[in-house]
């Protein structure tokens, strides 16, 4: 049985996905803030907050991998 090669770093790194997603929510917030209101603005704020939580999880996992934690995901 042959060893399966690891995926390239650009395919496993989640940081660009979180950056783009959070930026899209920020753009939507600015547009909807001036054109609409109510629940759509609140939805955009929630999306931005979840993007911030995503950044926190990514940095937390990277710090755990750097310090050698056994439960850290190594990407």
N, C-alpha and C. Protein backbone atom coordinates (compact mmCIF):
# COMPACT_ATOMS: atom_id res chain seq x y z
N UNK A 1 0.84 -1.17 0.00
CA UNK A 1 0.00 0.00 0.00
C UNK A 1 0.89 1.24 0.00
N UNK A 2 0.59 2.18 -0.91
CA UNK A 2 1.41 3.38 -1.03
C UNK A 2 0.94 4.47 -0.07
N UNK A 3 1.88 5.29 0.30
CA UNK A 3 1.59 6.42 1.20
C UNK A 3 0.88 7.52 0.40
N UNK A 4 -0.20 8.03 0.94
CA UNK A 4 -0.93 9.13 0.30
C UNK A 4 -0.20 10.43 0.62
N UNK A 5 0.13 11.23 -0.39
CA UNK A 5 0.85 12.48 -0.12
C UNK A 5 -0.05 13.50 0.59
N UNK A 6 0.59 14.35 1.37
CA UNK A 6 -0.14 15.40 2.08
C UNK A 6 -0.62 16.45 1.08
N UNK A 7 -1.73 17.10 1.42
CA UNK A 7 -2.25 18.18 0.59
C UNK A 7 -1.35 19.41 0.72
N UNK A 8 -1.27 20.22 -0.33
CA UNK A 8 -0.49 21.45 -0.23
C UNK A 8 -1.08 22.40 0.82
N UNK A 9 -0.23 23.22 1.40
CA UNK A 9 -0.64 24.15 2.46
C UNK A 9 -1.76 25.08 1.99
N UNK A 10 -1.73 25.52 0.72
CA UNK A 10 -2.74 26.45 0.23
C UNK A 10 -4.14 25.83 0.19
N UNK A 11 -4.23 24.50 0.19
CA UNK A 11 -5.52 23.83 0.18
C UNK A 11 -6.04 23.51 1.58
N UNK A 12 -5.18 23.59 2.57
CA UNK A 12 -5.59 23.25 3.93
C UNK A 12 -5.65 24.45 4.86
N UNK A 13 -5.14 25.59 4.43
CA UNK A 13 -5.13 26.78 5.27
C UNK A 13 -6.51 27.43 5.28
N UNK A 14 -7.10 27.59 6.44
CA UNK A 14 -8.44 28.16 6.56
C UNK A 14 -8.45 29.68 6.71
N UNK A 15 -7.30 30.27 6.92
CA UNK A 15 -7.24 31.72 7.13
C UNK A 15 -7.82 32.52 5.97
N UNK A 16 -7.46 32.23 4.70
CA UNK A 16 -8.06 33.00 3.60
C UNK A 16 -9.57 32.87 3.53
N UNK A 17 -10.10 31.72 3.85
CA UNK A 17 -11.54 31.51 3.82
C UNK A 17 -12.23 32.39 4.86
N UNK A 18 -11.66 32.44 6.05
CA UNK A 18 -12.24 33.26 7.12
C UNK A 18 -12.11 34.75 6.79
N UNK A 19 -10.97 35.14 6.21
CA UNK A 19 -10.77 36.55 5.84
C UNK A 19 -11.79 36.97 4.80
N UNK A 20 -11.94 36.18 3.74
CA UNK A 20 -12.88 36.53 2.67
C UNK A 20 -14.32 36.54 3.19
N UNK A 21 -14.69 35.55 3.97
CA UNK A 21 -16.05 35.49 4.51
C UNK A 21 -16.37 36.67 5.41
N UNK A 22 -15.44 37.02 6.29
CA UNK A 22 -15.65 38.15 7.18
C UNK A 22 -15.70 39.46 6.40
N UNK A 23 -14.85 39.59 5.39
CA UNK A 23 -14.86 40.80 4.56
C UNK A 23 -16.18 40.95 3.81
N UNK A 24 -16.72 39.84 3.32
CA UNK A 24 -18.02 39.90 2.63
C UNK A 24 -19.12 40.33 3.58
N UNK A 25 -19.10 39.83 4.80
CA UNK A 25 -20.10 40.26 5.78
C UNK A 25 -19.94 41.74 6.10
N UNK A 26 -18.70 42.23 6.14
CA UNK A 26 -18.46 43.64 6.42
C UNK A 26 -18.99 44.52 5.28
N UNK A 27 -18.74 44.10 4.04
CA UNK A 27 -19.27 44.85 2.89
C UNK A 27 -20.79 44.86 2.91
N UNK A 28 -21.38 43.71 3.19
CA UNK A 28 -22.84 43.63 3.26
C UNK A 28 -23.38 44.53 4.38
N UNK A 29 -22.67 44.59 5.49
CA UNK A 29 -23.10 45.45 6.60
C UNK A 29 -23.13 46.91 6.17
N UNK A 30 -22.08 47.36 5.50
CA UNK A 30 -22.02 48.77 5.07
C UNK A 30 -23.13 49.07 4.08
N UNK A 31 -23.34 48.18 3.12
CA UNK A 31 -24.38 48.41 2.11
C UNK A 31 -25.77 48.42 2.75
N UNK A 32 -26.04 47.42 3.58
CA UNK A 32 -27.37 47.32 4.18
C UNK A 32 -27.62 48.37 5.24
N UNK A 33 -26.56 48.87 5.86
CA UNK A 33 -26.74 49.91 6.87
C UNK A 33 -27.33 51.17 6.26
N UNK A 34 -26.93 51.46 5.03
CA UNK A 34 -27.41 52.68 4.38
C UNK A 34 -28.67 52.46 3.54
N UNK A 35 -28.97 51.22 3.17
CA UNK A 35 -30.13 50.97 2.33
C UNK A 35 -31.29 50.31 3.05
N UNK A 36 -31.01 49.62 4.12
CA UNK A 36 -32.04 48.83 4.79
C UNK A 36 -31.84 48.97 6.30
N UNK A 37 -32.36 48.05 7.00
CA UNK A 37 -32.19 48.07 8.45
C UNK A 37 -32.76 46.81 9.05
N UNK A 38 -32.84 46.82 10.34
CA UNK A 38 -33.47 45.73 11.04
C UNK A 38 -32.66 44.46 11.08
N UNK A 39 -33.32 43.38 10.74
CA UNK A 39 -32.75 42.06 10.92
C UNK A 39 -31.55 41.80 10.00
N UNK A 40 -31.50 42.43 8.84
CA UNK A 40 -30.39 42.18 7.91
C UNK A 40 -29.08 42.77 8.43
N UNK A 41 -29.16 43.92 9.05
CA UNK A 41 -27.96 44.52 9.64
C UNK A 41 -27.49 43.66 10.81
N UNK A 42 -28.42 43.18 11.61
CA UNK A 42 -28.07 42.32 12.72
C UNK A 42 -27.45 41.00 12.24
N UNK A 43 -27.93 40.49 11.12
CA UNK A 43 -27.37 39.27 10.55
C UNK A 43 -25.92 39.50 10.12
N UNK A 44 -25.65 40.65 9.52
CA UNK A 44 -24.28 40.97 9.11
C UNK A 44 -23.36 41.10 10.32
N UNK A 45 -23.84 41.73 11.37
CA UNK A 45 -23.04 41.86 12.59
C UNK A 45 -22.73 40.48 13.15
N UNK A 46 -23.71 39.60 13.14
CA UNK A 46 -23.50 38.23 13.63
C UNK A 46 -22.46 37.51 12.76
N UNK A 47 -22.51 37.71 11.45
CA UNK A 47 -21.52 37.10 10.57
C UNK A 47 -20.12 37.59 10.85
N UNK A 48 -19.98 38.88 11.11
CA UNK A 48 -18.66 39.44 11.44
C UNK A 48 -18.16 38.89 12.78
N UNK A 49 -19.05 38.78 13.75
CA UNK A 49 -18.66 38.22 15.05
C UNK A 49 -18.24 36.76 14.92
N UNK A 50 -18.95 36.00 14.11
CA UNK A 50 -18.57 34.60 13.91
C UNK A 50 -17.23 34.49 13.17
N UNK A 51 -16.96 35.42 12.27
CA UNK A 51 -15.65 35.46 11.63
C UNK A 51 -14.55 35.73 12.64
N UNK A 52 -14.82 36.63 13.59
CA UNK A 52 -13.85 36.89 14.65
C UNK A 52 -13.60 35.66 15.52
N UNK A 53 -14.67 34.93 15.80
CA UNK A 53 -14.53 33.68 16.56
C UNK A 53 -13.71 32.68 15.75
N UNK A 54 -13.94 32.65 14.44
CA UNK A 54 -13.16 31.76 13.58
C UNK A 54 -11.68 32.08 13.62
N UNK A 55 -11.33 33.39 13.57
CA UNK A 55 -9.93 33.79 13.71
C UNK A 55 -9.35 33.32 15.03
N UNK A 56 -10.13 33.50 16.09
CA UNK A 56 -9.66 33.07 17.40
C UNK A 56 -9.37 31.58 17.47
N UNK A 57 -10.24 30.78 16.88
CA UNK A 57 -10.04 29.33 16.88
C UNK A 57 -8.81 28.95 16.07
N UNK A 58 -8.63 29.60 14.91
CA UNK A 58 -7.45 29.31 14.08
C UNK A 58 -6.16 29.62 14.85
N UNK A 59 -6.10 30.81 15.46
CA UNK A 59 -4.89 31.18 16.19
C UNK A 59 -4.68 30.29 17.41
N UNK A 60 -5.77 29.89 18.07
CA UNK A 60 -5.69 29.01 19.22
C UNK A 60 -5.10 27.65 18.82
N UNK A 61 -5.59 27.09 17.71
CA UNK A 61 -5.08 25.81 17.23
C UNK A 61 -3.61 25.90 16.82
N UNK A 62 -3.24 27.00 16.16
CA UNK A 62 -1.84 27.16 15.76
C UNK A 62 -0.93 27.28 16.97
N UNK A 63 -1.37 27.99 17.99
CA UNK A 63 -0.57 28.12 19.21
C UNK A 63 -0.42 26.76 19.89
N UNK A 64 -1.49 25.98 19.92
CA UNK A 64 -1.42 24.64 20.52
C UNK A 64 -0.48 23.74 19.73
N UNK A 65 -0.49 23.85 18.41
CA UNK A 65 0.41 23.03 17.59
C UNK A 65 1.86 23.45 17.80
N UNK A 66 2.10 24.75 17.95
CA UNK A 66 3.48 25.23 18.17
C UNK A 66 4.04 24.74 19.50
N UNK A 67 3.19 24.69 20.51
CA UNK A 67 3.69 24.27 21.82
C UNK A 67 3.70 22.75 21.97
N UNK A 68 3.20 22.04 20.96
CA UNK A 68 3.30 20.58 20.95
C UNK A 68 2.17 19.86 21.63
N UNK A 69 1.01 20.47 21.75
CA UNK A 69 -0.13 19.82 22.37
C UNK A 69 -0.55 18.59 21.56
N UNK A 70 -0.84 17.50 22.24
CA UNK A 70 -1.21 16.26 21.54
C UNK A 70 -2.55 16.37 20.84
N UNK A 71 -3.44 17.22 21.34
CA UNK A 71 -4.78 17.32 20.77
C UNK A 71 -4.88 18.39 19.68
N UNK A 72 -3.78 19.08 19.38
CA UNK A 72 -3.82 20.16 18.39
C UNK A 72 -3.88 19.58 16.98
N UNK A 73 -4.65 20.26 16.14
CA UNK A 73 -4.70 19.89 14.73
C UNK A 73 -3.50 20.51 14.04
N UNK A 74 -2.75 19.69 13.37
CA UNK A 74 -1.56 20.18 12.67
C UNK A 74 -1.85 20.25 11.19
N UNK A 75 -1.99 21.48 10.70
CA UNK A 75 -2.25 21.68 9.27
C UNK A 75 -1.09 22.35 8.62
